[in-house]
Amino acid sequence: MAKRNERNILFLDLNLYTKTYTPDITGLVNQFTLDELMKKVVALREKNLVNVALGTKEPKELYIADVKYDQHTSTWQLLFNVIDTSLADEVHRQIGGADDTRKVNRKTVDVGTEFSSHVIFKSTNEISTVYLVLYEQTPNLPVKLIARYLNEVFKRVAREFDKEFNINHPQNILDAKGKPKTIRTYFKCHFNGHASDQFKNDVDNGVFNDVKLITGKMSKVEGYDVQKHSQLREVQIPVKIDKAELLKAGGNHNWLSKFRLGVAKDLGMDELKVSFKDETDAPHTANIDVDTGMLVNSEKYVKKAKITGFSEPLTTSVDLIYKPIIKKMLEHI
């Protein structure tokens, strides 16, 4: 549960890329800037089409409660809210108070506890695939859940603006009438975390248990057929860990960086999955993006900043962007 007078802000990258429903087509170039995409999201929100229900037994509902663009800082400022029906009823009692100060906030099955998270996207004037993000860490609204939500919203955007998201087939294929064949596209995203100094220290002072190369590019597997082997999602290749090579590289973290930029990149892998024990013998795992060295879809070991000094107590949820939080977050852009 978030504290009343402080928040942790995580430093992330938004990875934004174009996908298609047409099989065997990858590597599509983004057609729109983040600004152009977000304006379409805003238009969808104005039509009340951004509420997304996830799960059935104990459902959650996510929505964009508020969104603003700040021209001075070139940032999109978003307030994501979640209604979580899986949480137990809250019990409140006054410290030192009598028994009658104990209150149970009982909810019906279709009522949940609401949480908010402020998120800032740093925009650019150019089409890109990576954008800086500041995220107000909220345990009940983790970045993986926000990414899952955004991916559904982006698909809705593509359906709402289908003419703009229909593009000519990249192989210039013609249809039966001799006209250029088109394909349907949409945006997909995920968040990668900026690695903290603590991550480097724990890796250097720890011991590797296991390192694996991971790729989701199934075309690397001989004989793979997307129709026949649709249940396959990724390939994992174990890596031999040589203590002499670790010493030669100057430590675990240096070896990991060289291996990522060398072997892993040469083989066109997506991620490195690292399992290690820190100096206290506690186990840890991390997935590292081969191209950037970022931590994939993670909040653990991500660079963070604490913001404090609010004049009023913070609540778990707000219905409009809370300017004091945004102001302190912008100090870290």
Foldseek 3Di string as FASTA:
>chain_A
DDFFFKFKKFKKKKFKDKDFPDPPDDDDADPDFPVVLVVLLVVCVVVVNQWDWDDDPFIKIKGFLEWDADPVQQKIKTKIKMFTLPDDWDWDADVVDDPVRIDTRDDDSVGGDMFIKIKMWRGDPDHDRITIMMIGDDPVCAQVNVQVSVQVSQVVSCVVVVVVQWDFDPVQDADPVRHGDTTGMTMHIFMFFAFAPVVVQQQQQWFWPWKKFKAQPCVVPPPDDCVVPVVDGMDIGTDDDDPVLQVVLPGRVSSVLCCLQPVNVVVVTAWMWTWIAGNVRDIDIFIAGSPPRTTTRDPPRGDIDMDGDDPGTDDRDDSYDDVVVVVRSVVVD
